[in-house]
Amino acid sequence: MDTNRQQKVNRLIQRELSEIFLLDAKKMQGVLISVTNVRVSPDLGIAHAYLSVFPSEKAEELVKNINENVKTVRYDLGKRLRNQLRVIPELTFHVDDSLDYIENIDRLLNDQ
């Protein structure tokens, strides 16, 4: 169970990462990136961000690319949050495939 502080930091990081990816996605035509969830560790040192990418065929490649360039994303996040957080957590990005899972369940139910 997350503490109140963790929940606030989760929402803060999610909002700022969403804005960062919104600005970066404007450079890439036809790609939409949204941050669906952020989970920080109890010591606020590590943050796991879950990204939903449209179209989903590019998700794995895009998240791999983001994880390779995590230092620049963390730097941008640090510039935005320097007054709210003392230490900017280490970032790890994952693909959020929950929408694909829901779509698959709907398709299976409609086939019967």
Protein backbone atom coordinates (compact mmCIF):
# COMPACT_ATOMS: atom_id res chain seq x y z
CA MET A 1 0.00 0.00 0.00
CA ASP A 2 1.34 3.39 -0.98
CA THR A 3 1.65 6.15 1.56
CA ASN A 4 0.07 9.54 0.97
CA ARG A 5 3.49 10.97 0.07
CA GLN A 6 4.10 8.23 -2.50
CA GLN A 7 0.71 8.84 -4.09
CA LYS A 8 1.39 12.56 -4.40
CA VAL A 9 4.81 11.95 -5.94
CA ASN A 10 3.27 9.37 -8.31
CA ARG A 11 0.74 11.90 -9.59
CA LEU A 12 3.33 14.68 -9.82
CA ILE A 13 5.77 12.59 -11.85
CA GLN A 14 2.97 11.23 -14.06
CA ARG A 15 1.77 14.75 -14.90
CA GLU A 16 5.24 16.06 -15.69
CA LEU A 17 6.26 13.01 -17.74
CA SER A 18 3.02 13.33 -19.72
CA GLU A 19 3.90 16.91 -20.61
CA ILE A 20 7.45 15.95 -21.56
CA PHE A 21 6.25 13.16 -23.86
CA LEU A 22 3.54 15.39 -25.31
CA LEU A 23 6.18 17.85 -26.46
CA ASP A 24 8.41 15.06 -27.81
CA ALA A 25 5.53 13.29 -29.56
CA LYS A 26 4.82 16.42 -31.60
CA LYS A 27 8.17 15.81 -33.32
CA MET A 28 7.13 12.26 -34.27
CA GLN A 29 4.12 12.28 -36.56
CA GLY A 30 1.51 9.58 -36.01
CA VAL A 31 2.62 8.50 -32.53
CA LEU A 32 0.73 9.13 -29.31
CA ILE A 33 2.39 8.44 -25.95
CA SER A 34 0.50 8.59 -22.68
CA VAL A 35 1.73 7.86 -19.17
CA THR A 36 -0.87 5.58 -17.61
CA ASN A 37 0.70 4.92 -14.22
CA VAL A 38 3.77 5.75 -12.13
CA ARG A 39 4.89 3.78 -9.09
CA VAL A 40 7.68 5.07 -6.86
CA SER A 41 9.53 3.01 -4.29
CA PRO A 42 8.98 3.74 -0.58
CA ASP A 43 12.28 5.66 -0.40
CA LEU A 44 11.29 7.68 -3.53
CA GLY A 45 14.52 6.60 -5.22
CA ILE A 46 13.13 4.52 -8.10
CA ALA A 47 10.11 5.26 -10.29
CA HIS A 48 8.50 2.79 -12.69
CA ALA A 49 6.48 4.55 -15.40
CA TYR A 50 4.01 2.65 -17.56
CA LEU A 51 3.49 4.02 -21.07
CA SER A 52 0.65 3.41 -23.47
CA VAL A 53 1.70 3.93 -27.07
CA PHE A 54 -0.54 4.32 -30.11
CA PRO A 55 -0.10 2.60 -32.53
CA SER A 56 0.74 -0.38 -30.34
CA GLU A 57 2.99 -1.96 -32.99
CA LYS A 58 5.63 0.67 -32.20
CA ALA A 59 5.35 0.32 -28.42
CA GLU A 60 8.23 -2.06 -27.73
CA GLU A 61 10.64 -0.21 -29.98
CA LEU A 62 9.68 3.19 -28.59
CA VAL A 63 9.93 2.16 -24.93
CA LYS A 64 13.30 0.54 -25.62
CA ASN A 65 14.48 3.80 -27.20
CA ILE A 66 13.18 5.82 -24.22
CA ASN A 67 14.96 3.49 -21.77
CA GLU A 68 18.20 3.98 -23.70
CA ASN A 69 17.80 7.77 -23.42
CA VAL A 70 16.52 7.78 -19.84
CA LYS A 71 19.19 10.26 -18.72
CA THR A 72 17.81 13.06 -20.88
CA VAL A 73 14.25 12.35 -19.73
CA ARG A 74 15.39 12.37 -16.10
CA TYR A 75 17.25 15.64 -16.69
CA ASP A 76 14.13 17.24 -18.20
CA LEU A 77 12.06 15.93 -15.30
CA GLY A 78 14.62 17.31 -12.85
CA LYS A 79 14.40 20.78 -14.40
CA ARG A 80 10.62 20.72 -13.97
CA LEU A 81 10.58 19.29 -10.43
CA ARG A 82 13.64 20.90 -8.88
CA ASN A 83 11.51 22.95 -6.48
CA GLN A 84 9.19 20.11 -5.42
CA LEU A 85 11.53 17.13 -4.97
CA ARG A 86 14.96 16.99 -3.41
CA VAL A 87 16.08 13.88 -5.32
CA ILE A 88 14.74 12.98 -8.75
CA PRO A 89 14.13 9.21 -8.81
CA GLU A 90 15.80 6.83 -11.23
CA LEU A 91 13.34 6.15 -14.04
CA THR A 92 12.37 2.84 -15.63
CA PHE A 93 9.81 2.72 -18.42
CA HIS A 94 7.52 -0.22 -19.21
CA VAL A 95 4.88 -0.89 -21.85
CA ASP A 96 1.33 -0.75 -20.52
CA ASP A 97 -0.59 -3.29 -22.58
CA SER A 98 -3.81 -3.20 -20.57
CA LEU A 99 -5.74 -1.58 -23.45
CA ASP A 100 -4.58 -4.32 -25.84
CA TYR A 101 -5.61 -6.91 -23.28
CA ILE A 102 -9.10 -5.38 -22.95
CA GLU A 103 -9.44 -5.19 -26.72
CA ASN A 104 -8.47 -8.85 -27.02
CA ILE A 105 -11.04 -9.89 -24.39
CA ASP A 106 -13.77 -7.91 -26.19
CA ARG A 107 -12.84 -9.50 -29.51
CA LEU A 108 -12.93 -12.99 -27.98
CA LEU A 109 -16.32 -12.37 -26.38
CA ASN A 110 -17.79 -11.01 -29.62
CA ASP A 111 -16.55 -14.02 -31.62
CA GLN A 112 -18.68 -16.44 -29.63
